[in-house]
PDB file of all heavy atoms in Angstrom:
ATOM      1  N   ASP A   1      -2.544  22.345  10.150  1.00  0.00           N
ATOM      2  CA  ASP A   1      -1.966  21.792   8.919  1.00  0.00           C
ATOM      3  C   ASP A   1      -1.600  20.319   9.097  1.00  0.00           C
ATOM      4  O   ASP A   1      -0.504  19.877   8.737  1.00  0.00           O
ATOM      5  CB  ASP A   1      -0.744  22.597   8.475  1.00  0.00           C
ATOM      6  CG  ASP A   1      -0.368  22.310   7.021  1.00  0.00           C
ATOM      7  OD1 ASP A   1      -1.181  21.684   6.296  1.00  0.00           O
ATOM      8  OD2 ASP A   1       0.752  22.694   6.609  1.00  0.00           O
ATOM      9  N   ALA A   2      -2.520  19.564   9.673  1.00  0.00           N
ATOM     10  CA  ALA A   2      -2.326  18.126   9.873  1.00  0.00           C
ATOM     11  C   ALA A   2      -3.677  17.448   9.678  1.00  0.00           C
ATOM     12  O   ALA A   2      -4.654  17.799  10.339  1.00  0.00           O
ATOM     13  CB  ALA A   2      -1.791  17.844  11.268  1.00  0.00           C
ATOM     14  N   VAL A   3      -3.722  16.504   8.739  1.00  0.00           N
ATOM     15  CA  VAL A   3      -4.993  15.835   8.433  1.00  0.00           C
ATOM     16  C   VAL A   3      -4.773  14.338   8.293  1.00  0.00           C
ATOM     17  O   VAL A   3      -3.683  13.873   7.962  1.00  0.00           O
ATOM     18  CB  VAL A   3      -5.622  16.378   7.126  1.00  0.00           C
ATOM     19  CG1 VAL A   3      -5.938  17.858   7.241  1.00  0.00           C
ATOM     20  CG2 VAL A   3      -4.697  16.112   5.937  1.00  0.00           C
ATOM     21  N   VAL A   4      -5.831  13.599   8.576  1.00  0.00           N
ATOM     22  CA  VAL A   4      -5.858  12.172   8.288  1.00  0.00           C
ATOM     23  C   VAL A   4      -6.566  12.005   6.957  1.00  0.00           C
ATOM     24  O   VAL A   4      -7.719  12.409   6.795  1.00  0.00           O
ATOM     25  CB  VAL A   4      -6.597  11.388   9.392  1.00  0.00           C
ATOM     26  CG1 VAL A   4      -6.641   9.895   9.034  1.00  0.00           C
ATOM     27  CG2 VAL A   4      -5.923  11.593  10.741  1.00  0.00           C
ATOM     28  N   LEU A   5      -5.867  11.436   5.987  1.00  0.00           N
ATOM     29  CA  LEU A   5      -6.444  11.277   4.661  1.00  0.00           C
ATOM     30  C   LEU A   5      -7.526  10.196   4.680  1.00  0.00           C
ATOM     31  O   LEU A   5      -7.422   9.215   5.418  1.00  0.00           O
ATOM     32  CB  LEU A   5      -5.354  10.893   3.658  1.00  0.00           C
ATOM     33  CG  LEU A   5      -4.246  11.939   3.462  1.00  0.00           C
ATOM     34  CD1 LEU A   5      -3.135  11.373   2.573  1.00  0.00           C
ATOM     35  CD2 LEU A   5      -4.806  13.219   2.856  1.00  0.00           C
ATOM     36  N   PRO A   6      -8.561  10.363   3.879  1.00  0.00           N
ATOM     37  CA  PRO A   6      -9.595   9.319   3.802  1.00  0.00           C
ATOM     38  C   PRO A   6      -9.027   8.060   3.172  1.00  0.00           C
ATOM     39  O   PRO A   6      -7.990   8.087   2.507  1.00  0.00           O
ATOM     40  CB  PRO A   6     -10.668   9.958   2.922  1.00  0.00           C
ATOM     41  CG  PRO A   6      -9.923  10.950   2.084  1.00  0.00           C
ATOM     42  CD  PRO A   6      -8.829  11.487   2.961  1.00  0.00           C
ATOM     43  N   ARG A   7      -9.725   6.949   3.373  1.00  0.00           N
ATOM     44  CA  ARG A   7      -9.303   5.707   2.733  1.00  0.00           C
ATOM     45  C   ARG A   7      -9.361   5.866   1.228  1.00  0.00           C
ATOM     46  O   ARG A   7     -10.318   6.409   0.679  1.00  0.00           O
ATOM     47  CB  ARG A   7     -10.190   4.546   3.173  1.00  0.00           C
ATOM     48  CG  ARG A   7     -10.028   4.160   4.634  1.00  0.00           C
ATOM     49  CD  ARG A   7     -10.728   2.863   4.948  1.00  0.00           C
ATOM     50  NE  ARG A   7     -10.101   1.738   4.257  1.00  0.00           N
ATOM     51  CZ  ARG A   7     -10.471   0.472   4.426  1.00  0.00           C
ATOM     52  NH1 ARG A   7     -11.475   0.170   5.237  1.00  0.00           N
ATOM     53  NH2 ARG A   7      -9.864  -0.500   3.765  1.00  0.00           N
ATOM     54  N   MET A   8      -8.309   5.402   0.546  1.00  0.00           N
ATOM     55  CA  MET A   8      -8.195   5.576  -0.898  1.00  0.00           C
ATOM     56  C   MET A   8      -7.748   4.276  -1.539  1.00  0.00           C
ATOM     57  O   MET A   8      -7.233   3.378  -0.874  1.00  0.00           O
ATOM     58  CB  MET A   8      -7.167   6.678  -1.207  1.00  0.00           C
ATOM     59  CG  MET A   8      -7.517   8.053  -0.676  1.00  0.00           C
ATOM     60  SD  MET A   8      -6.169   9.233  -0.954  1.00  0.00           S
ATOM     61  CE  MET A   8      -5.004   8.701   0.292  1.00  0.00           C
ATOM     62  N   GLY A   9      -7.916   4.206  -2.848  1.00  0.00           N
ATOM     63  CA  GLY A   9      -7.372   3.103  -3.613  1.00  0.00           C
ATOM     64  C   GLY A   9      -5.870   3.241  -3.739  1.00  0.00           C
ATOM     65  O   GLY A   9      -5.293   4.299  -3.454  1.00  0.00           O
ATOM     66  N   LEU A  10      -5.214   2.177  -4.199  1.00  0.00           N
ATOM     67  CA  LEU A  10      -3.763   2.182  -4.295  1.00  0.00           C
ATOM     68  C   LEU A  10      -3.245   3.295  -5.196  1.00  0.00           C
ATOM     69  O   LEU A  10      -2.234   3.933  -4.885  1.00  0.00           O
ATOM     70  CB  LEU A  10      -3.274   0.828  -4.812  1.00  0.00           C
ATOM     71  CG  LEU A  10      -3.072  -0.267  -3.763  1.00  0.00           C
ATOM     72  CD1 LEU A  10      -2.689  -1.579  -4.449  1.00  0.00           C
ATOM     73  CD2 LEU A  10      -1.999   0.143  -2.770  1.00  0.00           C
ATOM     74  N   ARG A  11      -3.918   3.535  -6.321  1.00  0.00           N
ATOM     75  CA  ARG A  11      -3.423   4.564  -7.229  1.00  0.00           C
ATOM     76  C   ARG A  11      -3.511   5.937  -6.573  1.00  0.00           C
ATOM     77  O   ARG A  11      -2.601   6.773  -6.720  1.00  0.00           O
ATOM     78  CB  ARG A  11      -4.212   4.546  -8.541  1.00  0.00           C
ATOM     79  CG  ARG A  11      -3.791   5.644  -9.537  1.00  0.00           C
ATOM     80  CD  ARG A  11      -2.287   5.600  -9.808  1.00  0.00           C
ATOM     81  NE  ARG A  11      -1.810   6.777 -10.485  1.00  0.00           N
ATOM     82  CZ  ARG A  11      -1.588   6.866 -11.801  1.00  0.00           C
ATOM     83  NH1 ARG A  11      -1.824   5.811 -12.573  1.00  0.00           N
ATOM     84  NH2 ARG A  11      -1.136   7.967 -12.336  1.00  0.00           N
ATOM     85  N   GLN A  12      -4.586   6.195  -5.828  1.00  0.00           N
ATOM     86  CA  GLN A  12      -4.726   7.482  -5.160  1.00  0.00           C
ATOM     87  C   GLN A  12      -3.658   7.651  -4.072  1.00  0.00           C
ATOM     88  O   GLN A  12      -3.094   8.740  -3.916  1.00  0.00           O
ATOM     89  CB  GLN A  12      -6.132   7.617  -4.555  1.00  0.00           C
ATOM     90  CG  GLN A  12      -7.241   7.816  -5.567  1.00  0.00           C
ATOM     91  CD  GLN A  12      -7.525   6.559  -6.375  1.00  0.00           C
ATOM     92  OE1 GLN A  12      -7.500   5.451  -5.837  1.00  0.00           O
ATOM     93  NE2 GLN A  12      -7.786   6.730  -7.666  1.00  0.00           N
ATOM     94  N   VAL A  13      -3.357   6.576  -3.354  1.00  0.00           N
ATOM     95  CA  VAL A  13      -2.289   6.643  -2.356  1.00  0.00           C
ATOM     96  C   VAL A  13      -0.945   6.900  -3.037  1.00  0.00           C
ATOM     97  O   VAL A  13      -0.141   7.718  -2.572  1.00  0.00           O
ATOM     98  CB  VAL A  13      -2.227   5.344  -1.527  1.00  0.00           C
ATOM     99  CG1 VAL A  13      -1.019   5.367  -0.597  1.00  0.00           C
ATOM    100  CG2 VAL A  13      -3.497   5.168  -0.720  1.00  0.00           C
ATOM    101  N   ALA A  14      -0.695   6.211  -4.145  1.00  0.00           N
ATOM    102  CA  ALA A  14       0.556   6.415  -4.878  1.00  0.00           C
ATOM    103  C   ALA A  14       0.689   7.866  -5.343  1.00  0.00           C
ATOM    104  O   ALA A  14       1.780   8.436  -5.297  1.00  0.00           O
ATOM    105  CB  ALA A  14       0.628   5.463  -6.069  1.00  0.00           C
ATOM    106  N   ASP A  15      -0.406   8.457  -5.771  1.00  0.00           N
ATOM    107  CA  ASP A  15      -0.370   9.859  -6.186  1.00  0.00           C
ATOM    108  C   ASP A  15      -0.010  10.761  -5.015  1.00  0.00           C
ATOM    109  O   ASP A  15       0.739  11.732  -5.170  1.00  0.00           O
ATOM    110  CB  ASP A  15      -1.726  10.268  -6.774  1.00  0.00           C
ATOM    111  CG  ASP A  15      -2.001   9.630  -8.133  1.00  0.00           C
ATOM    112  OD1 ASP A  15      -1.039   9.170  -8.770  1.00  0.00           O
ATOM    113  OD2 ASP A  15      -3.178   9.585  -8.536  1.00  0.00           O
ATOM    114  N   GLN A  16      -0.557  10.470  -3.834  1.00  0.00           N
ATOM    115  CA  GLN A  16      -0.214  11.248  -2.642  1.00  0.00           C
ATOM    116  C   GLN A  16       1.271  11.098  -2.305  1.00  0.00           C
ATOM    117  O   GLN A  16       1.956  12.079  -1.995  1.00  0.00           O
ATOM    118  CB  GLN A  16      -1.068  10.788  -1.452  1.00  0.00           C
ATOM    119  CG  GLN A  16      -2.544  11.128  -1.556  1.00  0.00           C
ATOM    120  CD  GLN A  16      -2.822  12.602  -1.277  1.00  0.00           C
ATOM    121  OE1 GLN A  16      -2.013  13.310  -0.676  1.00  0.00           O
ATOM    122  NE2 GLN A  16      -3.985  13.059  -1.719  1.00  0.00           N
ATOM    123  N   LEU A  17       1.769   9.875  -2.366  1.00  0.00           N
ATOM    124  CA  LEU A  17       3.178   9.635  -2.077  1.00  0.00           C
ATOM    125  C   LEU A  17       4.081  10.353  -3.069  1.00  0.00           C
ATOM    126  O   LEU A  17       5.120  10.912  -2.688  1.00  0.00           O
ATOM    127  CB  LEU A  17       3.463   8.129  -2.103  1.00  0.00           C
ATOM    128  CG  LEU A  17       2.839   7.295  -0.990  1.00  0.00           C
ATOM    129  CD1 LEU A  17       2.986   5.805  -1.298  1.00  0.00           C
ATOM    130  CD2 LEU A  17       3.473   7.613   0.350  1.00  0.00           C
ATOM    131  N   ALA A  18       3.690  10.340  -4.329  1.00  0.00           N
ATOM    132  CA  ALA A  18       4.517  10.956  -5.371  1.00  0.00           C
ATOM    133  C   ALA A  18       4.651  12.456  -5.164  1.00  0.00           C
ATOM    134  O   ALA A  18       5.664  13.065  -5.548  1.00  0.00           O
ATOM    135  CB  ALA A  18       3.934  10.657  -6.743  1.00  0.00           C
ATOM    136  N   ARG A  19       3.650  13.082  -4.563  1.00  0.00           N
ATOM    137  CA  ARG A  19       3.673  14.534  -4.365  1.00  0.00           C
ATOM    138  C   ARG A  19       4.337  14.956  -3.056  1.00  0.00           C
ATOM    139  O   ARG A  19       4.583  16.145  -2.836  1.00  0.00           O
ATOM    140  CB  ARG A  19       2.243  15.089  -4.394  1.00  0.00           C
ATOM    141  CG  ARG A  19       1.539  14.946  -5.728  1.00  0.00           C
ATOM    142  CD  ARG A  19       0.345  15.874  -5.816  1.00  0.00           C
ATOM    143  NE  ARG A  19      -0.669  15.588  -4.810  1.00  0.00           N
ATOM    144  CZ  ARG A  19      -1.705  14.787  -4.997  1.00  0.00           C
ATOM    145  NH1 ARG A  19      -1.843  14.151  -6.156  1.00  0.00           N
ATOM    146  NH2 ARG A  19      -2.597  14.589  -4.041  1.00  0.00           N
ATOM    147  N   ALA A  20       4.616  13.993  -2.181  1.00  0.00           N
ATOM    148  CA  ALA A  20       5.117  14.324  -0.848  1.00  0.00           C
ATOM    149  C   ALA A  20       6.594  14.717  -0.877  1.00  0.00           C
ATOM    150  O   ALA A  20       7.382  14.172  -1.656  1.00  0.00           O
ATOM    151  CB  ALA A  20       4.913  13.143   0.093  1.00  0.00           C
ATOM    152  N   ARG A  21       6.964  15.648   0.012  1.00  0.00           N
ATOM    153  CA  ARG A  21       8.370  16.015   0.156  1.00  0.00           C
ATOM    154  C   ARG A  21       9.164  14.868   0.783  1.00  0.00           C
ATOM    155  O   ARG A  21      10.321  14.639   0.437  1.00  0.00           O
ATOM    156  CB  ARG A  21       8.478  17.255   1.037  1.00  0.00           C
ATOM    157  CG  ARG A  21       9.889  17.776   1.260  1.00  0.00           C
ATOM    158  CD  ARG A  21      10.380  18.603   0.115  1.00  0.00           C
ATOM    159  NE  ARG A  21       9.520  19.774  -0.082  1.00  0.00           N
ATOM    160  CZ  ARG A  21       9.581  20.564  -1.142  1.00  0.00           C
ATOM    161  NH1 ARG A  21      10.437  20.285  -2.112  1.00  0.00           N
ATOM    162  NH2 ARG A  21       8.788  21.604  -1.263  1.00  0.00           N
ATOM    163  N   ILE A  22       8.522  14.170   1.704  1.00  0.00           N
ATOM    164  CA  ILE A  22       9.176  13.074   2.416  1.00  0.00           C
ATOM    165  C   ILE A  22       8.092  12.163   2.959  1.00  0.00           C
ATOM    166  O   ILE A  22       6.947  12.587   3.162  1.00  0.00           O
ATOM    167  CB  ILE A  22      10.073  13.615   3.555  1.00  0.00           C
ATOM    168  CG1 ILE A  22      10.942  12.508   4.152  1.00  0.00           C
ATOM    169  CG2 ILE A  22       9.223  14.304   4.631  1.00  0.00           C
ATOM    170  CD1 ILE A  22      11.997  13.034   5.135  1.00  0.00           C
ATOM    171  N   MET A  23       8.450  10.908   3.193  1.00  0.00           N
ATOM    172  CA  MET A  23       7.522   9.959   3.800  1.00  0.00           C
ATOM    173  C   MET A  23       8.210   9.332   5.005  1.00  0.00           C
ATOM    174  O   MET A  23       9.374   8.922   4.926  1.00  0.00           O
ATOM    175  CB  MET A  23       7.146   8.870   2.790  1.00  0.00           C
ATOM    176  CG  MET A  23       5.871   8.104   3.149  1.00  0.00           C
ATOM    177  SD  MET A  23       6.145   6.682   4.193  1.00  0.00           S
ATOM    178  CE  MET A  23       4.577   5.827   3.976  1.00  0.00           C
ATOM    179  N   VAL A  24       7.494   9.270   6.131  1.00  0.00           N
ATOM    180  CA  VAL A  24       7.974   8.602   7.342  1.00  0.00           C
ATOM    181  C   VAL A  24       6.913   7.589   7.738  1.00  0.00           C
ATOM    182  O   VAL A  24       5.742   7.945   7.911  1.00  0.00           O
ATOM    183  CB  VAL A  24       8.204   9.594   8.498  1.00  0.00           C
ATOM    184  CG1 VAL A  24       8.755   8.861   9.723  1.00  0.00           C
ATOM    185  CG2 VAL A  24       9.147  10.721   8.076  1.00  0.00           C
ATOM    186  N   GLY A  25       7.296   6.327   7.843  1.00  0.00           N
ATOM    187  CA  GLY A  25       6.286   5.325   8.148  1.00  0.00           C
ATOM    188  C   GLY A  25       6.845   4.097   8.818  1.00  0.00           C
ATOM    189  O   GLY A  25       8.053   3.830   8.790  1.00  0.00           O
ATOM    190  N   LEU A  26       5.950   3.347   9.445  1.00  0.00           N
ATOM    191  CA  LEU A  26       6.310   2.043   9.969  1.00  0.00           C
ATOM    192  C   LEU A  26       6.577   1.095   8.806  1.00  0.00           C
ATOM    193  O   LEU A  26       6.259   1.392   7.650  1.00  0.00           O
ATOM    194  CB  LEU A  26       5.180   1.513  10.848  1.00  0.00           C
ATOM    195  CG  LEU A  26       4.774   2.392  12.034  1.00  0.00           C
ATOM    196  CD1 LEU A  26       3.653   1.728  12.823  1.00  0.00           C
ATOM    197  CD2 LEU A  26       5.953   2.691  12.947  1.00  0.00           C
ATOM    198  N   ASP A  27       7.191  -0.041   9.122  1.00  0.00           N
ATOM    199  CA  ASP A  27       7.467  -1.044   8.093  1.00  0.00           C
ATOM    200  C   ASP A  27       6.146  -1.554   7.526  1.00  0.00           C
ATOM    201  O   ASP A  27       5.433  -2.321   8.157  1.00  0.00           O
ATOM    202  CB  ASP A  27       8.265  -2.192   8.707  1.00  0.00           C
ATOM    203  CG  ASP A  27       8.517  -3.319   7.725  1.00  0.00           C
ATOM    204  OD1 ASP A  27       8.549  -3.049   6.514  1.00  0.00           O
ATOM    205  OD2 ASP A  27       8.672  -4.471   8.181  1.00  0.00           O
ATOM    206  N   SER A  28       5.807  -1.079   6.334  1.00  0.00           N
ATOM    207  CA  SER A  28       4.546  -1.450   5.694  1.00  0.00           C
ATOM    208  C   SER A  28       4.740  -1.415   4.196  1.00  0.00           C
ATOM    209  O   SER A  28       5.703  -0.835   3.679  1.00  0.00           O
ATOM    210  CB  SER A  28       3.426  -0.480   6.098  1.00  0.00           C
ATOM    211  OG  SER A  28       3.627   0.778   5.476  1.00  0.00           O
ATOM    212  N   GLY A  29       3.792  -2.016   3.490  1.00  0.00           N
ATOM    213  CA  GLY A  29       3.873  -2.019   2.042  1.00  0.00           C
ATOM    214  C   GLY A  29       3.881  -0.621   1.454  1.00  0.00           C
ATOM    215  O   GLY A  29       4.578  -0.352   0.466  1.00  0.00           O
TER     216      GLY A  29
END
């Protein structure tokens, strides 16, 4: 249950973020 998502456009990434329970990331846009 761990995958690397394919490269996506900004809107597709935003959709993924919107559905996530939580986000953990390095300092990035």
